[in-house]
Amino acid sequence: MKSLSSMIEQVAAMAGTSDLTQWEALFLSSIIERTRAGRGYDTTRLSPRQAEVIERLYRKHFGDAER
């Protein structure tokens, strides 16, 4: 299973595209701002609900999180 940090990185690459809804783009922007740490993402700052939403967005746009 991909790490949450990897999922955020892949979904973040979609920022500014029409593939994300307005809500998804705003949510993702907030998550990136909150978790950005050096070269990666500090996912310890996410609530369990935020982590669930990231996983849902990843599955929606990239398929099964097991890949």
N, C-alpha and C. Protein backbone atom coordinates (compact mmCIF):
# COMPACT_ATOMS: atom_id res chain seq x y z
N MET A 1 0.85 -1.19 0.00
CA MET A 1 0.00 0.00 0.00
C MET A 1 0.89 1.25 0.00
N LYS A 2 0.51 2.20 -0.80
CA LYS A 2 1.26 3.46 -0.85
C LYS A 2 1.16 4.19 0.47
N SER A 3 2.21 4.92 0.79
CA SER A 3 2.16 5.72 2.01
C SER A 3 1.26 6.93 1.78
N LEU A 4 0.75 7.45 2.87
CA LEU A 4 -0.11 8.63 2.78
C LEU A 4 0.65 9.80 2.16
N SER A 5 1.92 9.92 2.51
CA SER A 5 2.76 10.98 1.95
C SER A 5 2.86 10.85 0.43
N SER A 6 3.03 9.64 -0.07
CA SER A 6 3.10 9.40 -1.52
C SER A 6 1.78 9.74 -2.20
N MET A 7 0.68 9.39 -1.52
CA MET A 7 -0.64 9.71 -2.08
C MET A 7 -0.82 11.22 -2.19
N ILE A 8 -0.43 11.95 -1.15
CA ILE A 8 -0.54 13.41 -1.17
C ILE A 8 0.28 13.97 -2.32
N GLU A 9 1.49 13.46 -2.48
CA GLU A 9 2.38 13.94 -3.54
C GLU A 9 1.76 13.75 -4.92
N GLN A 10 1.17 12.58 -5.16
CA GLN A 10 0.57 12.33 -6.47
C GLN A 10 -0.67 13.17 -6.70
N VAL A 11 -1.53 13.27 -5.70
CA VAL A 11 -2.74 14.08 -5.86
C VAL A 11 -2.36 15.56 -5.99
N ALA A 12 -1.33 15.99 -5.26
CA ALA A 12 -0.88 17.39 -5.32
C ALA A 12 -0.41 17.76 -6.73
N ALA A 13 0.11 16.79 -7.45
CA ALA A 13 0.57 17.06 -8.82
C ALA A 13 -0.58 17.44 -9.74
N MET A 14 -1.80 17.17 -9.30
CA MET A 14 -2.98 17.50 -10.09
C MET A 14 -3.47 18.93 -9.84
N ALA A 15 -2.87 19.61 -8.89
CA ALA A 15 -3.29 20.98 -8.57
C ALA A 15 -3.23 21.85 -9.82
N GLY A 16 -4.24 22.65 -9.99
CA GLY A 16 -4.28 23.54 -11.14
C GLY A 16 -4.84 22.89 -12.40
N THR A 17 -5.24 21.64 -12.31
CA THR A 17 -5.84 20.97 -13.47
C THR A 17 -7.36 20.94 -13.30
N SER A 18 -8.03 20.62 -14.35
CA SER A 18 -9.49 20.53 -14.29
C SER A 18 -9.94 19.16 -13.77
N ASP A 19 -8.99 18.30 -13.42
CA ASP A 19 -9.32 16.97 -12.90
C ASP A 19 -9.86 17.02 -11.48
N LEU A 20 -9.55 18.08 -10.73
CA LEU A 20 -10.03 18.23 -9.36
C LEU A 20 -11.23 19.16 -9.31
N THR A 21 -12.16 18.83 -8.45
CA THR A 21 -13.28 19.75 -8.23
C THR A 21 -12.75 20.94 -7.44
N GLN A 22 -13.53 21.99 -7.37
CA GLN A 22 -13.11 23.16 -6.61
C GLN A 22 -12.88 22.80 -5.15
N TRP A 23 -13.79 22.00 -4.57
CA TRP A 23 -13.63 21.58 -3.18
C TRP A 23 -12.37 20.76 -2.98
N GLU A 24 -12.10 19.81 -3.90
CA GLU A 24 -10.89 18.99 -3.80
C GLU A 24 -9.64 19.84 -3.87
N ALA A 25 -9.62 20.80 -4.78
CA ALA A 25 -8.46 21.68 -4.93
C ALA A 25 -8.22 22.51 -3.66
N LEU A 26 -9.28 23.05 -3.08
CA LEU A 26 -9.14 23.84 -1.85
C LEU A 26 -8.70 22.96 -0.68
N PHE A 27 -9.29 21.79 -0.56
CA PHE A 27 -8.92 20.85 0.50
C PHE A 27 -7.45 20.48 0.36
N LEU A 28 -7.05 20.12 -0.84
CA LEU A 28 -5.67 19.71 -1.09
C LEU A 28 -4.69 20.84 -0.81
N SER A 29 -5.04 22.05 -1.21
CA SER A 29 -4.18 23.20 -0.93
C SER A 29 -3.97 23.36 0.57
N SER A 30 -5.04 23.21 1.33
CA SER A 30 -4.96 23.31 2.79
C SER A 30 -4.07 22.20 3.37
N ILE A 31 -4.22 20.99 2.87
CA ILE A 31 -3.43 19.86 3.36
C ILE A 31 -1.95 20.06 3.04
N ILE A 32 -1.66 20.49 1.83
CA ILE A 32 -0.27 20.72 1.43
C ILE A 32 0.36 21.78 2.33
N GLU A 33 -0.34 22.86 2.54
CA GLU A 33 0.17 23.94 3.39
C GLU A 33 0.42 23.44 4.81
N ARG A 34 -0.48 22.63 5.33
CA ARG A 34 -0.40 22.13 6.70
C ARG A 34 0.70 21.07 6.88
N THR A 35 0.95 20.26 5.86
CA THR A 35 1.84 19.13 6.03
C THR A 35 3.21 19.28 5.39
N ARG A 36 3.41 20.30 4.60
CA ARG A 36 4.69 20.45 3.89
C ARG A 36 5.84 20.54 4.87
N ALA A 37 6.80 19.64 4.70
CA ALA A 37 7.97 19.60 5.58
C ALA A 37 9.19 19.24 4.75
N GLY A 38 9.99 20.22 4.42
CA GLY A 38 11.19 19.94 3.62
C GLY A 38 10.83 19.37 2.27
N ARG A 39 11.32 18.17 2.00
CA ARG A 39 11.08 17.53 0.70
C ARG A 39 9.85 16.62 0.70
N GLY A 40 9.23 16.41 1.84
CA GLY A 40 8.09 15.49 1.89
C GLY A 40 6.91 16.13 2.58
N TYR A 41 6.07 15.28 3.13
CA TYR A 41 4.86 15.73 3.82
C TYR A 41 4.82 15.09 5.20
N ASP A 42 4.58 15.89 6.23
CA ASP A 42 4.47 15.41 7.60
C ASP A 42 3.02 15.04 7.85
N THR A 43 2.71 13.78 7.61
CA THR A 43 1.32 13.33 7.71
C THR A 43 0.85 13.17 9.15
N THR A 44 1.74 13.32 10.11
CA THR A 44 1.32 13.23 11.51
C THR A 44 0.44 14.41 11.89
N ARG A 45 0.42 15.44 11.08
CA ARG A 45 -0.39 16.63 11.35
C ARG A 45 -1.83 16.50 10.85
N LEU A 46 -2.14 15.38 10.22
CA LEU A 46 -3.48 15.18 9.67
C LEU A 46 -4.37 14.45 10.67
N SER A 47 -5.64 14.83 10.66
CA SER A 47 -6.62 14.11 11.47
C SER A 47 -6.94 12.80 10.74
N PRO A 48 -7.50 11.83 11.45
CA PRO A 48 -7.91 10.59 10.77
C PRO A 48 -8.88 10.86 9.61
N ARG A 49 -9.78 11.80 9.78
CA ARG A 49 -10.75 12.13 8.73
C ARG A 49 -10.05 12.72 7.51
N GLN A 50 -9.07 13.60 7.72
CA GLN A 50 -8.33 14.18 6.60
C GLN A 50 -7.56 13.08 5.85
N ALA A 51 -6.99 12.15 6.58
CA ALA A 51 -6.27 11.04 5.95
C ALA A 51 -7.23 10.21 5.10
N GLU A 52 -8.44 9.96 5.61
CA GLU A 52 -9.44 9.22 4.85
C GLU A 52 -9.78 9.93 3.54
N VAL A 53 -9.92 11.24 3.60
CA VAL A 53 -10.27 12.01 2.40
C VAL A 53 -9.12 11.94 1.39
N ILE A 54 -7.88 12.04 1.84
CA ILE A 54 -6.73 11.92 0.94
C ILE A 54 -6.75 10.55 0.26
N GLU A 55 -6.98 9.50 1.04
CA GLU A 55 -7.04 8.16 0.47
C GLU A 55 -8.17 8.04 -0.54
N ARG A 56 -9.32 8.64 -0.25
CA ARG A 56 -10.46 8.61 -1.18
C ARG A 56 -10.13 9.34 -2.47
N LEU A 57 -9.50 10.52 -2.35
CA LEU A 57 -9.11 11.28 -3.55
C LEU A 57 -8.10 10.49 -4.38
N TYR A 58 -7.16 9.86 -3.70
CA TYR A 58 -6.16 9.06 -4.42
C TYR A 58 -6.84 7.93 -5.20
N ARG A 59 -7.71 7.18 -4.53
CA ARG A 59 -8.42 6.08 -5.21
C ARG A 59 -9.26 6.61 -6.37
N LYS A 60 -9.91 7.75 -6.17
CA LYS A 60 -10.76 8.32 -7.22
C LYS A 60 -9.96 8.64 -8.47
N HIS A 61 -8.78 9.20 -8.29
CA HIS A 61 -8.01 9.69 -9.43
C HIS A 61 -6.92 8.73 -9.92
N PHE A 62 -6.50 7.79 -9.08
CA PHE A 62 -5.42 6.90 -9.46
C PHE A 62 -5.76 5.42 -9.31
N GLY A 63 -6.99 5.12 -8.94
CA GLY A 63 -7.38 3.72 -8.81
C GLY A 63 -7.06 3.17 -7.42
N ASP A 64 -6.88 1.89 -7.36
CA ASP A 64 -6.65 1.17 -6.12
C ASP A 64 -5.38 1.65 -5.41
N ALA A 65 -5.50 1.93 -4.11
CA ALA A 65 -4.35 2.39 -3.31
C ALA A 65 -3.31 1.30 -3.13
N GLU A 66 -3.59 0.06 -3.54
CA GLU A 66 -2.64 -1.04 -3.40
C GLU A 66 -1.59 -1.05 -4.49
N ARG A 67 -1.76 -0.25 -5.50
CA ARG A 67 -0.80 -0.26 -6.64
C ARG A 67 0.55 0.20 -6.21
